Amino acid sequence: MRYGVLAAVLVSTATLGGCAQGVLDPKGPIASAEREILFNSLGIMLAIVIPTILAILGVAFWFRSSNRRAVYLPDFQYSGRLELLVWSIPAMTVILVGGVAWIGAHDLAPTKAISSTVKPVNVQVVSLDWKWLFIYPEQGIASVNRLTVPVGTPISSESANFTPAEVALSSRIIPS
């Protein structure tokens, strides 16, 4: 048993040791804004979860069998104030987190131009079978499977799909 846990820890450490980049290591203004939305939502949710856990522990401690000061009310049926409290806090949390996500998503809309002092590079992206064709019309050049853009330059891209299949799904990610 001991060796199994040790082996699991060592395998996990070796596997995750190569993870240098991720969601919490943004490389640009959009990724930084998404990280901020993530942390804001996490903070809002933790502001609810932590007091809830503390309240559960407090109620369990107060109503333990050895506490003679705790009063048992067998005829208790309904409390409007308690119902309002129990249902309003989660509703406000959902509204607040939804508002943060809504506003953040609209601020980061892909159709919105990124503010920059540099003129964006216009790139036409064509999806072909098992490869990408990047056409730079202003420069009069094209490349296959390699997108080259100067550092700090915004990209204005137009996509097209020329796969002969009836239904083709293509996606791309531009790493830092």
Protein backbone atom coordinates (compact mmCIF):
# COMPACT_ATOMS: atom_id res chain seq x y z
CA MET A 1 0.00 0.00 0.00
CA ARG A 2 2.79 2.38 0.97
CA TYR A 3 4.70 1.67 -2.21
CA GLY A 4 1.58 2.15 -4.34
CA VAL A 5 1.03 5.65 -2.95
CA LEU A 6 4.71 6.46 -3.37
CA ALA A 7 4.66 5.19 -6.97
CA ALA A 8 1.54 7.26 -7.72
CA VAL A 9 3.17 10.39 -6.31
CA LEU A 10 6.37 9.80 -8.29
CA VAL A 11 4.50 9.12 -11.54
CA SER A 12 2.34 12.21 -11.03
CA THR A 13 5.38 14.36 -10.31
CA ALA A 14 7.23 13.07 -13.36
CA THR A 15 4.19 13.49 -15.60
CA LEU A 16 3.26 16.98 -14.43
CA GLY A 17 6.86 18.16 -14.24
CA GLY A 18 6.86 19.05 -17.92
CA CYS A 19 3.81 21.32 -17.65
CA ALA A 20 5.38 24.77 -17.87
CA GLN A 21 2.62 26.68 -19.66
CA GLY A 22 -1.05 26.77 -18.93
CA VAL A 23 -4.12 28.83 -18.25
CA LEU A 24 -2.52 30.71 -15.37
CA ASP A 25 0.51 31.79 -17.40
CA PRO A 26 -0.93 34.26 -19.95
CA LYS A 27 1.14 35.47 -22.88
CA GLY A 28 -0.95 38.35 -24.16
CA PRO A 29 -3.64 40.92 -23.34
CA ILE A 30 -6.58 38.62 -24.15
CA ALA A 31 -5.21 35.72 -22.10
CA SER A 32 -4.48 38.10 -19.20
CA ALA A 33 -8.05 39.39 -19.28
CA GLU A 34 -9.41 35.82 -19.34
CA ARG A 35 -7.21 34.97 -16.36
CA GLU A 36 -8.62 37.98 -14.52
CA ILE A 37 -12.18 36.81 -15.24
CA LEU A 38 -11.25 33.36 -13.91
CA PHE A 39 -9.79 34.76 -10.69
CA ASN A 40 -12.71 37.17 -10.17
CA SER A 41 -15.21 34.33 -10.54
CA LEU A 42 -13.15 32.13 -8.21
CA GLY A 43 -13.04 34.90 -5.60
CA ILE A 44 -16.81 35.43 -5.76
CA MET A 45 -17.47 31.71 -5.40
CA LEU A 46 -14.98 31.34 -2.53
CA ALA A 47 -16.70 34.24 -0.75
CA ILE A 48 -19.78 32.00 -0.62
CA VAL A 49 -18.22 28.56 -0.21
CA ILE A 50 -15.93 29.36 2.74
CA PRO A 51 -18.66 30.92 4.97
CA THR A 52 -20.99 28.04 4.04
CA ILE A 53 -18.43 25.45 5.15
CA LEU A 54 -17.81 27.41 8.35
CA ALA A 55 -21.58 27.63 9.00
CA ILE A 56 -21.94 23.86 8.52
CA LEU A 57 -19.12 23.24 11.00
CA GLY A 58 -20.65 25.78 13.43
CA VAL A 59 -24.11 24.20 13.26
CA ALA A 60 -22.64 20.72 13.71
CA PHE A 61 -20.64 21.92 16.71
CA TRP A 62 -23.59 23.76 18.29
CA PHE A 63 -26.07 20.92 17.90
CA ARG A 64 -23.73 18.16 19.08
CA SER A 65 -25.24 15.77 21.59
CA SER A 66 -23.13 17.01 24.51
CA ASN A 67 -24.28 20.67 24.20
CA ARG A 68 -27.06 21.17 26.76
CA ARG A 69 -27.63 24.83 25.75
CA ALA A 70 -28.79 23.90 22.22
CA VAL A 71 -32.57 24.00 22.02
CA TYR A 72 -34.45 21.42 19.99
CA LEU A 73 -37.63 22.84 18.40
CA PRO A 74 -39.74 19.90 17.21
CA ASP A 75 -42.65 22.15 16.15
CA PHE A 76 -40.53 24.38 13.86
CA GLN A 77 -42.02 24.35 10.36
CA TYR A 78 -41.27 27.50 8.37
CA SER A 79 -39.32 30.73 8.63
CA GLY A 80 -39.69 33.30 5.84
CA ARG A 81 -36.50 35.08 6.86
CA LEU A 82 -34.55 31.82 6.82
CA GLU A 83 -35.96 30.89 3.39
CA LEU A 84 -35.07 34.34 2.06
CA LEU A 85 -31.53 33.98 3.37
CA VAL A 86 -31.09 30.44 2.07
CA TRP A 87 -32.31 31.23 -1.46
CA SER A 88 -31.11 34.81 -1.95
CA ILE A 89 -27.40 34.17 -1.37
CA PRO A 90 -27.03 31.53 -4.13
CA ALA A 91 -29.23 33.59 -6.47
CA MET A 92 -27.08 36.69 -5.93
CA THR A 93 -23.94 34.61 -6.44
CA VAL A 94 -25.20 33.25 -9.76
CA ILE A 95 -26.20 36.75 -10.87
CA LEU A 96 -22.84 38.22 -9.84
CA VAL A 97 -20.71 35.47 -11.45
CA GLY A 98 -22.92 35.58 -14.55
CA GLY A 99 -22.48 39.34 -14.76
CA VAL A 100 -18.70 39.09 -14.46
CA ALA A 101 -18.59 36.42 -17.17
CA TRP A 102 -21.04 38.33 -19.42
CA ILE A 103 -19.19 41.65 -19.23
CA GLY A 104 -15.81 39.95 -19.58
CA ALA A 105 -16.95 37.94 -22.58
CA HIS A 106 -18.28 41.03 -24.34
CA ASP A 107 -15.10 42.96 -23.59
CA LEU A 108 -13.09 40.14 -25.21
CA ALA A 109 -15.34 39.61 -28.23
CA PRO A 110 -13.33 38.29 -31.19
CA THR A 111 -14.98 40.82 -33.50
CA LYS A 112 -13.60 43.67 -31.41
CA ALA A 113 -10.25 45.02 -32.61
CA ILE A 114 -7.33 44.87 -30.19
CA SER A 115 -6.01 48.33 -29.44
CA SER A 116 -2.48 48.70 -30.73
CA THR A 117 -0.21 51.35 -32.19
CA VAL A 118 1.04 48.82 -34.76
CA LYS A 119 -0.94 48.13 -37.94
CA PRO A 120 -2.37 44.58 -37.89
CA VAL A 121 -1.03 41.97 -40.30
CA ASN A 122 -3.78 40.73 -42.61
CA VAL A 123 -3.65 36.93 -42.99
CA GLN A 124 -6.00 34.76 -45.01
CA VAL A 125 -6.15 31.28 -43.47
CA VAL A 126 -7.19 28.34 -45.64
CA SER A 127 -7.91 24.92 -44.16
CA LEU A 128 -6.80 22.14 -46.48
CA ASP A 129 -6.61 18.40 -45.90
CA TRP A 130 -4.14 17.92 -43.06
CA LYS A 131 -2.49 21.32 -43.48
CA TRP A 132 -2.99 25.06 -43.21
CA LEU A 133 -2.26 27.64 -45.91
CA PHE A 134 -1.46 31.13 -44.60
CA ILE A 135 -1.66 33.85 -47.27
CA TYR A 136 -0.29 37.33 -46.61
CA PRO A 137 -2.00 39.39 -49.36
CA GLU A 138 -0.32 42.70 -48.52
CA GLN A 139 3.14 41.13 -48.68
CA GLY A 140 2.32 38.87 -51.64
CA ILE A 141 3.55 35.67 -49.97
CA ALA A 142 2.10 32.45 -48.56
CA SER A 143 3.28 29.67 -46.28
CA VAL A 144 2.12 26.15 -45.43
CA ASN A 145 1.68 25.14 -41.77
CA ARG A 146 3.70 28.12 -40.48
CA LEU A 147 2.24 31.42 -39.36
CA THR A 148 4.95 34.05 -38.96
CA VAL A 149 4.10 37.42 -37.43
CA PRO A 150 6.38 40.01 -35.80
CA VAL A 151 6.23 40.08 -32.00
CA GLY A 152 3.63 42.50 -30.64
CA THR A 153 1.76 42.78 -33.94
CA PRO A 154 -2.00 42.14 -34.00
CA ILE A 155 -3.36 39.67 -36.56
CA SER A 156 -6.42 40.24 -38.70
CA SER A 157 -7.41 36.86 -40.10
CA GLU A 158 -10.01 35.60 -42.52
CA SER A 159 -10.74 31.88 -42.62
CA ALA A 160 -11.82 29.62 -45.45
CA ASN A 161 -12.23 25.87 -45.71
CA PHE A 162 -11.45 24.03 -48.94
CA THR A 163 -11.71 20.45 -47.74
CA PRO A 164 -13.58 18.31 -50.29
CA ALA A 165 -15.52 16.47 -47.57
CA GLU A 166 -19.15 17.47 -47.17
CA VAL A 167 -18.72 18.37 -43.53
CA ALA A 168 -15.30 19.43 -42.31
CA LEU A 169 -14.42 20.68 -38.88
CA SER A 170 -11.25 22.66 -38.51
CA SER A 171 -9.84 24.59 -35.60
CA ARG A 172 -6.58 26.31 -34.92
CA ILE A 173 -4.70 27.57 -31.92
CA ILE A 174 -1.87 30.06 -32.02
CA PRO A 175 0.55 29.34 -29.17
CA SER A 176 2.83 31.99 -27.77
